Amino acid sequence: MGRMLNKSSTLMRRPLWIIDSHESNQKKDALTIDPDLDGGFLAVFSYEEEAEAFLCLSGDDEQKKGWHSKQTTAEGLVAILLGPCANVKGVVLDPLPWPLSREMLPLVSMNRDSFLQCL
């Protein structure tokens, strides 16, 4: 009999993508969506093309300056969620670009602690 893979084992094996920024002082920041909502949501993407499309369709050119897509792993996400993004409310997978996604964020996101448990 075959074995069904669960979500956490799938997340552990495949690369994921985030959007991050490297400031001149070497500080790393990951893109969070709607930070006005209790810390916001960390945007995580299944494919590099989705992260690039999100970045391309979001905001004006000045806002996008310095941001780029970056491949990460489950371990990398744990480090981000326990470090620079320790205050985020949740994680949103493959979000739609603004303004389409704002109202949908609570519906398509996962609580930060639940996401960490899955990882």
PDB file of N, CA and C in Angstrom:
ATOM      1  N   MET A   1       0.831  -1.185   0.000  1.00  0.00           N
ATOM      2  CA  MET A   1       0.000   0.000   0.000  1.00  0.00           C
ATOM      3  C   MET A   1       0.878   1.252   0.000  1.00  0.00           C
ATOM      4  N   GLY A   2       0.433   2.233  -0.768  1.00  0.00           N
ATOM      5  CA  GLY A   2       1.164   3.502  -0.825  1.00  0.00           C
ATOM      6  C   GLY A   2       0.926   4.323   0.418  1.00  0.00           C
ATOM      7  N   ARG A   3       1.812   5.238   0.645  1.00  0.00           N
ATOM      8  CA  ARG A   3       1.707   6.104   1.809  1.00  0.00           C
ATOM      9  C   ARG A   3       1.352   7.511   1.350  1.00  0.00           C
ATOM     10  N   MET A   4       0.332   8.091   1.957  1.00  0.00           N
ATOM     11  CA  MET A   4      -0.075   9.452   1.600  1.00  0.00           C
ATOM     12  C   MET A   4       0.829  10.447   2.330  1.00  0.00           C
ATOM     13  N   LEU A   5       1.332  11.422   1.584  1.00  0.00           N
ATOM     14  CA  LEU A   5       2.171  12.451   2.182  1.00  0.00           C
ATOM     15  C   LEU A   5       1.301  13.488   2.870  1.00  0.00           C
ATOM     16  N   ASN A   6       1.717  13.923   4.028  1.00  0.00           N
ATOM     17  CA  ASN A   6       0.971  14.990   4.680  1.00  0.00           C
ATOM     18  C   ASN A   6       1.583  16.334   4.317  1.00  0.00           C
ATOM     19  N   LYS A   7       0.882  17.402   4.663  1.00  0.00           N
ATOM     20  CA  LYS A   7       1.324  18.746   4.282  1.00  0.00           C
ATOM     21  C   LYS A   7       2.696  19.080   4.828  1.00  0.00           C
ATOM     22  N   SER A   8       2.954  18.717   6.069  1.00  0.00           N
ATOM     23  CA  SER A   8       4.230  19.118   6.664  1.00  0.00           C
ATOM     24  C   SER A   8       5.399  18.436   5.972  1.00  0.00           C
ATOM     25  N   SER A   9       5.260  17.170   5.566  1.00  0.00           N
ATOM     26  CA  SER A   9       6.380  16.531   4.882  1.00  0.00           C
ATOM     27  C   SER A   9       6.581  17.126   3.497  1.00  0.00           C
ATOM     28  N   THR A  10       5.518  17.564   2.855  1.00  0.00           N
ATOM     29  CA  THR A  10       5.643  18.228   1.559  1.00  0.00           C
ATOM     30  C   THR A  10       6.340  19.569   1.721  1.00  0.00           C
ATOM     31  N   LEU A  11       5.972  20.341   2.746  1.00  0.00           N
ATOM     32  CA  LEU A  11       6.617  21.630   2.994  1.00  0.00           C
ATOM     33  C   LEU A  11       8.090  21.450   3.336  1.00  0.00           C
ATOM     34  N   MET A  12       8.432  20.375   3.993  1.00  0.00           N
ATOM     35  CA  MET A  12       9.814  20.159   4.399  1.00  0.00           C
ATOM     36  C   MET A  12      10.717  19.869   3.203  1.00  0.00           C
ATOM     37  N   ARG A  13      10.176  19.304   2.131  1.00  0.00           N
ATOM     38  CA  ARG A  13      11.016  18.870   1.025  1.00  0.00           C
ATOM     39  C   ARG A  13      11.104  19.838  -0.130  1.00  0.00           C
ATOM     40  N   ARG A  14      10.139  20.674  -0.329  1.00  0.00           N
ATOM     41  CA  ARG A  14      10.165  21.526  -1.516  1.00  0.00           C
ATOM     42  C   ARG A  14      10.596  22.934  -1.163  1.00  0.00           C
ATOM     43  N   PRO A  15      11.277  23.579  -2.103  1.00  0.00           N
ATOM     44  CA  PRO A  15      11.668  24.965  -1.835  1.00  0.00           C
ATOM     45  C   PRO A  15      10.461  25.885  -1.840  1.00  0.00           C
ATOM     46  N   LEU A  16      10.528  26.915  -1.057  1.00  0.00           N
ATOM     47  CA  LEU A  16       9.506  27.949  -1.012  1.00  0.00           C
ATOM     48  C   LEU A  16      10.202  29.274  -1.272  1.00  0.00           C
ATOM     49  N   TRP A  17       9.418  30.309  -1.499  1.00  0.00           N
ATOM     50  CA  TRP A  17       9.968  31.614  -1.844  1.00  0.00           C
ATOM     51  C   TRP A  17       9.353  32.680  -0.962  1.00  0.00           C
ATOM     52  N   ILE A  18      10.161  33.632  -0.583  1.00  0.00           N
ATOM     53  CA  ILE A  18       9.691  34.813   0.128  1.00  0.00           C
ATOM     54  C   ILE A  18      10.199  36.025  -0.640  1.00  0.00           C
ATOM     55  N   ILE A  19       9.740  37.186  -0.249  1.00  0.00           N
ATOM     56  CA  ILE A  19      10.267  38.428  -0.802  1.00  0.00           C
ATOM     57  C   ILE A  19      10.999  39.113   0.336  1.00  0.00           C
ATOM     58  N   ASP A  20      12.266  39.420   0.097  1.00  0.00           N
ATOM     59  CA  ASP A  20      13.030  40.065   1.161  1.00  0.00           C
ATOM     60  C   ASP A  20      13.837  41.236   0.643  1.00  0.00           C
ATOM     61  N   SER A  21      14.404  41.958   1.579  1.00  0.00           N
ATOM     62  CA  SER A  21      15.166  43.159   1.274  1.00  0.00           C
ATOM     63  C   SER A  21      16.452  43.130   2.080  1.00  0.00           C
ATOM     64  N   HIS A  22      17.533  43.554   1.468  1.00  0.00           N
ATOM     65  CA  HIS A  22      18.794  43.709   2.179  1.00  0.00           C
ATOM     66  C   HIS A  22      19.091  45.193   2.249  1.00  0.00           C
ATOM     67  N   GLU A  23      19.038  45.721   3.425  1.00  0.00           N
ATOM     68  CA  GLU A  23      19.354  47.129   3.628  1.00  0.00           C
ATOM     69  C   GLU A  23      20.864  47.311   3.578  1.00  0.00           C
ATOM     70  N   SER A  24      21.302  48.525   3.458  1.00  0.00           N
ATOM     71  CA  SER A  24      22.730  48.806   3.404  1.00  0.00           C
ATOM     72  C   SER A  24      23.442  48.401   4.693  1.00  0.00           C
ATOM     73  N   ASN A  25      22.718  48.320   5.800  1.00  0.00           N
ATOM     74  CA  ASN A  25      23.333  47.919   7.066  1.00  0.00           C
ATOM     75  C   ASN A  25      23.283  46.398   7.280  1.00  0.00           C
ATOM     76  N   GLN A  26      23.034  45.653   6.197  1.00  0.00           N
ATOM     77  CA  GLN A  26      23.006  44.189   6.216  1.00  0.00           C
ATOM     78  C   GLN A  26      21.825  43.601   6.990  1.00  0.00           C
ATOM     79  N   LYS A  27      20.869  44.413   7.380  1.00  0.00           N
ATOM     80  CA  LYS A  27      19.671  43.921   8.060  1.00  0.00           C
ATOM     81  C   LYS A  27      18.763  43.280   7.016  1.00  0.00           C
ATOM     82  N   LYS A  28      18.237  42.108   7.336  1.00  0.00           N
ATOM     83  CA  LYS A  28      17.344  41.427   6.417  1.00  0.00           C
ATOM     84  C   LYS A  28      15.901  41.624   6.867  1.00  0.00           C
ATOM     85  N   ASP A  29      15.039  41.903   5.927  1.00  0.00           N
ATOM     86  CA  ASP A  29      13.615  42.048   6.191  1.00  0.00           C
ATOM     87  C   ASP A  29      12.846  41.197   5.207  1.00  0.00           C
ATOM     88  N   ALA A  30      11.882  40.449   5.688  1.00  0.00           N
ATOM     89  CA  ALA A  30      10.986  39.702   4.815  1.00  0.00           C
ATOM     90  C   ALA A  30       9.712  40.522   4.647  1.00  0.00           C
ATOM     91  N   LEU A  31       9.121  40.443   3.471  1.00  0.00           N
ATOM     92  CA  LEU A  31       7.904  41.196   3.178  1.00  0.00           C
ATOM     93  C   LEU A  31       6.742  40.670   4.003  1.00  0.00           C
ATOM     94  N   THR A  32       6.105  41.573   4.720  1.00  0.00           N
ATOM     95  CA  THR A  32       4.870  41.236   5.415  1.00  0.00           C
ATOM     96  C   THR A  32       3.752  42.054   4.801  1.00  0.00           C
ATOM     97  N   ILE A  33       2.586  41.441   4.735  1.00  0.00           N
ATOM     98  CA  ILE A  33       1.425  42.069   4.120  1.00  0.00           C
ATOM     99  C   ILE A  33       0.520  42.595   5.212  1.00  0.00           C
ATOM    100  N   ASP A  34       0.039  43.804   5.011  1.00  0.00           N
ATOM    101  CA  ASP A  34      -0.885  44.468   5.920  1.00  0.00           C
ATOM    102  C   ASP A  34      -0.390  44.482   7.358  1.00  0.00           C
ATOM    103  N   PRO A  35       0.762  45.098   7.594  1.00  0.00           N
ATOM    104  CA  PRO A  35       1.312  45.120   8.946  1.00  0.00           C
ATOM    105  C   PRO A  35       0.435  45.856   9.953  1.00  0.00           C
ATOM    106  N   ASP A  36      -0.581  46.573   9.483  1.00  0.00           N
ATOM    107  CA  ASP A  36      -1.489  47.256  10.403  1.00  0.00           C
ATOM    108  C   ASP A  36      -2.397  46.285  11.147  1.00  0.00           C
ATOM    109  N   LEU A  37      -2.520  45.068  10.657  1.00  0.00           N
ATOM    110  CA  LEU A  37      -3.367  44.062  11.300  1.00  0.00           C
ATOM    111  C   LEU A  37      -2.547  43.202  12.263  1.00  0.00           C
ATOM    112  N   ASP A  38      -2.300  43.664  13.462  1.00  0.00           N
ATOM    113  CA  ASP A  38      -1.607  42.888  14.497  1.00  0.00           C
ATOM    114  C   ASP A  38      -0.316  42.261  14.000  1.00  0.00           C
ATOM    115  N   GLY A  39       0.525  42.998  13.321  1.00  0.00           N
ATOM    116  CA  GLY A  39       1.798  42.474  12.864  1.00  0.00           C
ATOM    117  C   GLY A  39       1.795  41.989  11.433  1.00  0.00           C
ATOM    118  N   GLY A  40       0.645  41.794  10.853  1.00  0.00           N
ATOM    119  CA  GLY A  40       0.549  41.401   9.458  1.00  0.00           C
ATOM    120  C   GLY A  40       0.780  39.920   9.224  1.00  0.00           C
ATOM    121  N   PHE A  41       1.042  39.599   7.957  1.00  0.00           N
ATOM    122  CA  PHE A  41       1.205  38.224   7.512  1.00  0.00           C
ATOM    123  C   PHE A  41       2.480  38.097   6.690  1.00  0.00           C
ATOM    124  N   LEU A  42       3.239  37.043   6.928  1.00  0.00           N
ATOM    125  CA  LEU A  42       4.409  36.761   6.111  1.00  0.00           C
ATOM    126  C   LEU A  42       3.934  36.136   4.808  1.00  0.00           C
ATOM    127  N   ALA A  43       4.354  36.708   3.681  1.00  0.00           N
ATOM    128  CA  ALA A  43       3.978  36.186   2.368  1.00  0.00           C
ATOM    129  C   ALA A  43       4.957  35.085   1.969  1.00  0.00           C
ATOM    130  N   VAL A  44       4.422  33.886   1.686  1.00  0.00           N
ATOM    131  CA  VAL A  44       5.225  32.737   1.259  1.00  0.00           C
ATOM    132  C   VAL A  44       4.654  32.247  -0.060  1.00  0.00           C
ATOM    133  N   PHE A  45       5.535  31.951  -1.003  1.00  0.00           N
ATOM    134  CA  PHE A  45       5.109  31.579  -2.346  1.00  0.00           C
ATOM    135  C   PHE A  45       5.606  30.180  -2.710  1.00  0.00           C
ATOM    136  N   SER A  46       4.805  29.476  -3.506  1.00  0.00           N
ATOM    137  CA  SER A  46       5.145  28.126  -3.947  1.00  0.00           C
ATOM    138  C   SER A  46       6.194  28.116  -5.047  1.00  0.00           C
ATOM    139  N   TYR A  47       6.228  29.158  -5.849  1.00  0.00           N
ATOM    140  CA  TYR A  47       7.140  29.219  -6.991  1.00  0.00           C
ATOM    141  C   TYR A  47       7.753  30.613  -7.093  1.00  0.00           C
ATOM    142  N   GLU A  48       8.938  30.674  -7.632  1.00  0.00           N
ATOM    143  CA  GLU A  48       9.622  31.947  -7.814  1.00  0.00           C
ATOM    144  C   GLU A  48       8.809  32.887  -8.699  1.00  0.00           C
ATOM    145  N   GLU A  49       8.175  32.353  -9.740  1.00  0.00           N
ATOM    146  CA  GLU A  49       7.388  33.176 -10.654  1.00  0.00           C
ATOM    147  C   GLU A  49       6.225  33.854  -9.941  1.00  0.00           C
ATOM    148  N   GLU A  50       5.615  33.170  -8.968  1.00  0.00           N
ATOM    149  CA  GLU A  50       4.518  33.770  -8.208  1.00  0.00           C
ATOM    150  C   GLU A  50       5.028  34.915  -7.339  1.00  0.00           C
ATOM    151  N   ALA A  51       6.182  34.736  -6.734  1.00  0.00           N
ATOM    152  CA  ALA A  51       6.768  35.804  -5.922  1.00  0.00           C
ATOM    153  C   ALA A  51       7.130  37.005  -6.791  1.00  0.00           C
ATOM    154  N   GLU A  52       7.713  36.746  -7.954  1.00  0.00           N
ATOM    155  CA  GLU A  52       8.088  37.827  -8.867  1.00  0.00           C
ATOM    156  C   GLU A  52       6.854  38.571  -9.388  1.00  0.00           C
ATOM    157  N   ALA A  53       5.789  37.816  -9.717  1.00  0.00           N
ATOM    158  CA  ALA A  53       4.558  38.444 -10.203  1.00  0.00           C
ATOM    159  C   ALA A  53       3.930  39.297  -9.107  1.00  0.00           C
ATOM    160  N   PHE A  54       3.924  38.800  -7.879  1.00  0.00           N
ATOM    161  CA  PHE A  54       3.378  39.564  -6.757  1.00  0.00           C
ATOM    162  C   PHE A  54       4.140  40.870  -6.607  1.00  0.00           C
ATOM    163  N   LEU A  55       5.458  40.777  -6.640  1.00  0.00           N
ATOM    164  CA  LEU A  55       6.294  41.961  -6.492  1.00  0.00           C
ATOM    165  C   LEU A  55       6.077  42.940  -7.634  1.00  0.00           C
ATOM    166  N   CYS A  56       5.959  42.429  -8.839  1.00  0.00           N
ATOM    167  CA  CYS A  56       5.769  43.273 -10.019  1.00  0.00           C
ATOM    168  C   CYS A  56       4.431  44.013  -9.982  1.00  0.00           C
ATOM    169  N   LEU A  57       3.404  43.353  -9.483  1.00  0.00           N
ATOM    170  CA  LEU A  57       2.056  43.936  -9.495  1.00  0.00           C
ATOM    171  C   LEU A  57       1.720  44.728  -8.227  1.00  0.00           C
ATOM    172  N   SER A  58       2.604  44.736  -7.268  1.00  0.00           N
ATOM    173  CA  SER A  58       2.337  45.414  -5.999  1.00  0.00           C
ATOM    174  C   SER A  58       3.073  46.738  -5.907  1.00  0.00           C
ATOM    175  N   GLY A  59       2.353  47.795  -5.604  1.00  0.00           N
ATOM    176  CA  GLY A  59       2.962  49.082  -5.317  1.00  0.00           C
ATOM    177  C   GLY A  59       3.634  49.745  -6.498  1.00  0.00           C
ATOM    178  N   ASP A  60       4.218  50.900  -6.226  1.00  0.00           N
ATOM    179  CA  ASP A  60       4.928  51.622  -7.281  1.00  0.00           C
ATOM    180  C   ASP A  60       6.407  51.225  -7.268  1.00  0.00           C
ATOM    181  N   ASP A  61       7.129  51.678  -8.280  1.00  0.00           N
ATOM    182  CA  ASP A  61       8.527  51.285  -8.438  1.00  0.00           C
ATOM    183  C   ASP A  61       9.391  51.700  -7.249  1.00  0.00           C
ATOM    184  N   GLU A  62       9.101  52.835  -6.655  1.00  0.00           N
ATOM    185  CA  GLU A  62       9.892  53.290  -5.513  1.00  0.00           C
ATOM    186  C   GLU A  62       9.702  52.380  -4.303  1.00  0.00           C
ATOM    187  N   GLN A  63       8.459  51.907  -4.089  1.00  0.00           N
ATOM    188  CA  GLN A  63       8.185  50.997  -2.980  1.00  0.00           C
ATOM    189  C   GLN A  63       8.868  49.648  -3.182  1.00  0.00           C
ATOM    190  N   LYS A  64       9.012  49.223  -4.438  1.00  0.00           N
ATOM    191  CA  LYS A  64       9.582  47.910  -4.747  1.00  0.00           C
ATOM    192  C   LYS A  64      11.101  47.909  -4.755  1.00  0.00           C
ATOM    193  N   LYS A  65      11.704  49.078  -4.705  1.00  0.00           N
ATOM    194  CA  LYS A  65      13.150  49.196  -4.797  1.00  0.00           C
ATOM    195  C   LYS A  65      13.820  48.429  -3.651  1.00  0.00           C
ATOM    196  N   GLY A  66      14.767  47.564  -3.994  1.00  0.00           N
ATOM    197  CA  GLY A  66      15.500  46.801  -2.991  1.00  0.00           C
ATOM    198  C   GLY A  66      14.868  45.477  -2.602  1.00  0.00           C
ATOM    199  N   TRP A  67      13.657  45.214  -3.042  1.00  0.00           N
ATOM    200  CA  TRP A  67      12.980  43.955  -2.732  1.00  0.00           C
ATOM    201  C   TRP A  67      13.226  42.958  -3.857  1.00  0.00           C
ATOM    202  N   HIS A  68      13.377  41.685  -3.495  1.00  0.00           N
ATOM    203  CA  HIS A  68      13.570  40.636  -4.496  1.00  0.00           C
ATOM    204  C   HIS A  68      13.084  39.298  -3.935  1.00  0.00           C
ATOM    205  N   SER A  69      12.823  38.363  -4.836  1.00  0.00           N
ATOM    206  CA  SER A  69      12.396  37.038  -4.382  1.00  0.00           C
ATOM    207  C   SER A  69      13.617  36.251  -3.934  1.00  0.00           C
ATOM    208  N   LYS A  70      13.409  35.394  -2.953  1.00  0.00           N
ATOM    209  CA  LYS A  70      14.502  34.609  -2.403  1.00  0.00           C
ATOM    210  C   LYS A  70      13.992  33.218  -2.064  1.00  0.00           C
ATOM    211  N   GLN A  71      14.722  32.217  -2.513  1.00  0.00           N
ATOM    212  CA  GLN A  71      14.356  30.840  -2.201  1.00  0.00           C
ATOM    213  C   GLN A  71      14.687  30.549  -0.749  1.00  0.00           C
ATOM    214  N   THR A  72      13.816  29.771  -0.105  1.00  0.00           N
ATOM    215  CA  THR A  72      14.052  29.395   1.285  1.00  0.00           C
ATOM    216  C   THR A  72      13.577  27.964   1.494  1.00  0.00           C
ATOM    217  N   THR A  73      13.824  27.447   2.656  1.00  0.00           N
ATOM    218  CA  THR A  73      13.425  26.089   3.030  1.00  0.00           C
ATOM    219  C   THR A  73      12.548  26.174   4.273  1.00  0.00           C
ATOM    220  N   ALA A  74      12.066  25.032   4.714  1.00  0.00           N
ATOM    221  CA  ALA A  74      11.281  24.999   5.951  1.00  0.00           C
ATOM    222  C   ALA A  74      12.116  25.518   7.119  1.00  0.00           C
ATOM    223  N   GLU A  75      13.373  25.114   7.172  1.00  0.00           N
ATOM    224  CA  GLU A  75      14.250  25.590   8.239  1.00  0.00           C
ATOM    225  C   GLU A  75      14.445  27.103   8.156  1.00  0.00           C
ATOM    226  N   GLY A  76      14.578  27.612   6.954  1.00  0.00           N
ATOM    227  CA  GLY A  76      14.712  29.052   6.763  1.00  0.00           C
ATOM    228  C   GLY A  76      13.481  29.809   7.215  1.00  0.00           C
ATOM    229  N   LEU A  77      12.296  29.244   6.925  1.00  0.00           N
ATOM    230  CA  LEU A  77      11.049  29.883   7.363  1.00  0.00           C
ATOM    231  C   LEU A  77      10.937  29.894   8.885  1.00  0.00           C
ATOM    232  N   VAL A  78      11.344  28.812   9.512  1.00  0.00           N
ATOM    233  CA  VAL A  78      11.329  28.774  10.975  1.00  0.00           C
ATOM    234  C   VAL A  78      12.218  29.882  11.531  1.00  0.00           C
ATOM    235  N   ALA A  79      13.424  30.021  10.964  1.00  0.00           N
ATOM    236  CA  ALA A  79      14.343  31.067  11.428  1.00  0.00           C
ATOM    237  C   ALA A  79      13.747  32.455  11.227  1.00  0.00           C
ATOM    238  N   ILE A  80      13.063  32.674  10.120  1.00  0.00           N
ATOM    239  CA  ILE A  80      12.442  33.976   9.844  1.00  0.00           C
ATOM    240  C   ILE A  80      11.293  34.234  10.815  1.00  0.00           C
ATOM    241  N   LEU A  81      10.469  33.210  11.042  1.00  0.00           N
ATOM    242  CA  LEU A  81       9.308  33.383  11.925  1.00  0.00           C
ATOM    243  C   LEU A  81       9.692  33.494  13.397  1.00  0.00           C
ATOM    244  N   LEU A  82      10.850  32.993  13.755  1.00  0.00           N
ATOM    245  CA  LEU A  82      11.317  33.135  15.138  1.00  0.00           C
ATOM    246  C   LEU A  82      12.235  34.339  15.310  1.00  0.00           C
ATOM    247  N   GLY A  83      12.689  34.907  14.193  1.00  0.00           N
ATOM    248  CA  GLY A  83      13.602  36.046  14.243  1.00  0.00           C
ATOM    249  C   GLY A  83      12.942  37.328  13.809  1.00  0.00           C
ATOM    250  N   PRO A  84      13.277  37.805  12.597  1.00  0.00           N
ATOM    251  CA  PRO A  84      12.791  39.119  12.162  1.00  0.00           C
ATOM    252  C   PRO A  84      11.269  39.226  12.044  1.00  0.00           C
ATOM    253  N   CYS A  85      10.574  38.114  11.853  1.00  0.00           N
ATOM    254  CA  CYS A  85       9.109  38.155  11.707  1.00  0.00           C
ATOM    255  C   CYS A  85       8.404  37.508  12.893  1.00  0.00           C
ATOM    256  N   ALA A  86       9.013  37.576  14.057  1.00  0.00           N
ATOM    257  CA  ALA A  86       8.432  36.962  15.254  1.00  0.00           C
ATOM    258  C   ALA A  86       7.106  37.600  15.649  1.00  0.00           C
ATOM    259  N   ASN A  87       6.852  38.821  15.170  1.00  0.00           N
ATOM    260  CA  ASN A  87       5.630  39.522  15.568  1.00  0.00           C
ATOM    261  C   ASN A  87       4.482  39.368  14.577  1.00  0.00           C
ATOM    262  N   VAL A  88       4.665  38.600  13.488  1.00  0.00           N
ATOM    263  CA  VAL A  88       3.572  38.478  12.516  1.00  0.00           C
ATOM    264  C   VAL A  88       2.433  37.644  13.092  1.00  0.00           C
ATOM    265  N   LYS A  89       1.248  37.947  12.619  1.00  0.00           N
ATOM    266  CA  LYS A  89       0.043  37.253  13.065  1.00  0.00           C
ATOM    267  C   LYS A  89      -0.073  35.876  12.418  1.00  0.00           C
ATOM    268  N   GLY A  90       0.320  35.812  11.130  1.00  0.00           N
ATOM    269  CA  GLY A  90       0.167  34.561  10.415  1.00  0.00           C
ATOM    270  C   GLY A  90       1.015  34.513   9.164  1.00  0.00           C
ATOM    271  N   VAL A  91       0.780  33.459   8.397  1.00  0.00           N
ATOM    272  CA  VAL A  91       1.478  33.221   7.136  1.00  0.00           C
ATOM    273  C   VAL A  91       0.420  33.077   6.063  1.00  0.00           C
ATOM    274  N   VAL A  92       0.650  33.719   4.927  1.00  0.00           N
ATOM    275  CA  VAL A  92      -0.288  33.598   3.815  1.00  0.00           C
ATOM    276  C   VAL A  92       0.469  32.982   2.638  1.00  0.00           C
ATOM    277  N   LEU A  93      -0.082  31.897   2.114  1.00  0.00           N
ATOM    278  CA  LEU A  93       0.540  31.188   1.001  1.00  0.00           C
ATOM    279  C   LEU A  93      -0.005  31.708  -0.322  1.00  0.00           C
ATOM    280  N   ASP A  94       0.900  32.055  -1.217  1.00  0.00           N
ATOM    281  CA  ASP A  94       0.558  32.516  -2.567  1.00  0.00           C
ATOM    282  C   ASP A  94      -0.506  33.612  -2.567  1.00  0.00           C
ATOM    283  N   PRO A  95      -0.247  34.724  -1.867  1.00  0.00           N
ATOM    284  CA  PRO A  95      -1.251  35.798  -1.817  1.00  0.00           C
ATOM    285  C   PRO A  95      -1.421  36.492  -3.162  1.00  0.00           C
ATOM    286  N   LEU A  96      -2.586  37.053  -3.356  1.00  0.00           N
ATOM    287  CA  LEU A  96      -2.842  37.882  -4.531  1.00  0.00           C
ATOM    288  C   LEU A  96      -2.246  39.261  -4.290  1.00  0.00           C
ATOM    289  N   PRO A  97      -1.860  39.949  -5.357  1.00  0.00           N
ATOM    290  CA  PRO A  97      -1.325  41.313  -5.184  1.00  0.00           C
ATOM    291  C   PRO A  97      -2.399  42.264  -4.669  1.00  0.00           C
ATOM    292  N   TRP A  98      -1.939  43.365  -4.060  1.00  0.00           N
ATOM    293  CA  TRP A  98      -2.857  44.404  -3.609  1.00  0.00           C
ATOM    294  C   TRP A  98      -3.584  44.986  -4.786  1.00  0.00           C
ATOM    295  N   PRO A  99      -4.740  45.526  -4.652  1.00  0.00           N
ATOM    296  CA  PRO A  99      -5.615  45.565  -3.477  1.00  0.00           C
ATOM    297  C   PRO A  99      -6.528  44.346  -3.400  1.00  0.00           C
ATOM    298  N   LEU A 100      -6.322  43.388  -4.273  1.00  0.00           N
ATOM    299  CA  LEU A 100      -7.215  42.234  -4.348  1.00  0.00           C
ATOM    300  C   LEU A 100      -7.224  41.375  -3.093  1.00  0.00           C
ATOM    301  N   SER A 101      -6.119  41.317  -2.383  1.00  0.00           N
ATOM    302  CA  SER A 101      -6.009  40.333  -1.313  1.00  0.00           C
ATOM    303  C   SER A 101      -6.341  40.830   0.088  1.00  0.00           C
ATOM    304  N   ARG A 102      -6.444  42.108   0.289  1.00  0.00           N
ATOM    305  CA  ARG A 102      -6.589  42.636   1.652  1.00  0.00           C
ATOM    306  C   ARG A 102      -7.773  42.021   2.407  1.00  0.00           C
ATOM    307  N   GLU A 103      -8.919  41.977   1.789  1.00  0.00           N
ATOM    308  CA  GLU A 103     -10.094  41.433   2.470  1.00  0.00           C
ATOM    309  C   GLU A 103     -10.018  39.919   2.633  1.00  0.00           C
ATOM    310  N   MET A 104      -9.224  39.274   1.785  1.00  0.00           N
ATOM    311  CA  MET A 104      -9.135  37.807   1.820  1.00  0.00           C
ATOM    312  C   MET A 104      -8.068  37.291   2.785  1.00  0.00           C
ATOM    313  N   LEU A 105      -7.200  38.154   3.278  1.00  0.00           N
ATOM    314  CA  LEU A 105      -6.084  37.700   4.108  1.00  0.00           C
ATOM    315  C   LEU A 105      -6.502  36.800   5.272  1.00  0.00           C
ATOM    316  N   PRO A 106      -7.487  37.175   6.061  1.00  0.00           N
ATOM    317  CA  PRO A 106      -7.866  36.291   7.166  1.00  0.00           C
ATOM    318  C   PRO A 106      -8.413  34.937   6.695  1.00  0.00           C
ATOM    319  N   LEU A 107      -8.923  34.891   5.472  1.00  0.00           N
ATOM    320  CA  LEU A 107      -9.500  33.648   4.967  1.00  0.00           C
ATOM    321  C   LEU A 107      -8.470  32.700   4.372  1.00  0.00           C
ATOM    322  N   VAL A 108      -7.376  33.226   3.852  1.00  0.00           N
ATOM    323  CA  VAL A 108      -6.390  32.399   3.158  1.00  0.00           C
ATOM    324  C   VAL A 108      -5.075  32.291   3.920  1.00  0.00           C
ATOM    325  N   SER A 109      -5.069  32.723   5.160  1.00  0.00           N
ATOM    326  CA  SER A 109      -3.845  32.684   5.945  1.00  0.00           C
ATOM    327  C   SER A 109      -3.921  31.585   7.002  1.00  0.00           C
ATOM    328  N   MET A 110      -2.777  31.336   7.589  1.00  0.00           N
ATOM    329  CA  MET A 110      -2.673  30.352   8.657  1.00  0.00           C
ATOM    330  C   MET A 110      -2.010  31.031   9.847  1.00  0.00           C
ATOM    331  N   ASN A 111      -2.478  30.740  11.019  1.00  0.00           N
ATOM    332  CA  ASN A 111      -1.904  31.275  12.241  1.00  0.00           C
ATOM    333  C   ASN A 111      -0.413  30.939  12.288  1.00  0.00           C
ATOM    334  N   ARG A 112       0.395  31.890  12.723  1.00  0.00           N
ATOM    335  CA  ARG A 112       1.851  31.726  12.778  1.00  0.00           C
ATOM    336  C   ARG A 112       2.266  30.483  13.560  1.00  0.00           C
ATOM    337  N   ASP A 113       1.695  30.291  14.731  1.00  0.00           N
ATOM    338  CA  ASP A 113       2.068  29.143  15.564  1.00  0.00           C
ATOM    339  C   ASP A 113       1.653  27.810  14.933  1.00  0.00           C
ATOM    340  N   SER A 114       0.483  27.777  14.303  1.00  0.00           N
ATOM    341  CA  SER A 114       0.033  26.569  13.614  1.00  0.00           C
ATOM    342  C   SER A 114       0.955  26.239  12.446  1.00  0.00           C
ATOM    343  N   PHE A 115       1.371  27.269  11.713  1.00  0.00           N
ATOM    344  CA  PHE A 115       2.282  27.071  10.587  1.00  0.00           C
ATOM    345  C   PHE A 115       3.620  26.513  11.077  1.00  0.00           C
ATOM    346  N   LEU A 116       4.128  27.067  12.180  1.00  0.00           N
ATOM    347  CA  LEU A 116       5.386  26.562  12.736  1.00  0.00           C
ATOM    348  C   LEU A 116       5.256  25.102  13.155  1.00  0.00           C
ATOM    349  N   GLN A 117       4.104  24.710  13.692  1.00  0.00           N
ATOM    350  CA  GLN A 117       3.902  23.318  14.090  1.00  0.00           C
ATOM    351  C   GLN A 117       3.901  22.407  12.866  1.00  0.00           C
ATOM    352  N   CYS A 118       3.320  22.872  11.755  1.00  0.00           N
ATOM    353  CA  CYS A 118       3.333  22.074  10.522  1.00  0.00           C
ATOM    354  C   CYS A 118       4.746  21.876   9.995  1.00  0.00           C
ATOM    355  N   LEU A 119       5.575  22.891  10.163  1.00  0.00           N
ATOM    356  CA  LEU A 119       6.955  22.774   9.701  1.00  0.00           C
ATOM    357  C   LEU A 119       7.752  21.845  10.580  1.00  0.00           C
TER     358      LEU A 119
END
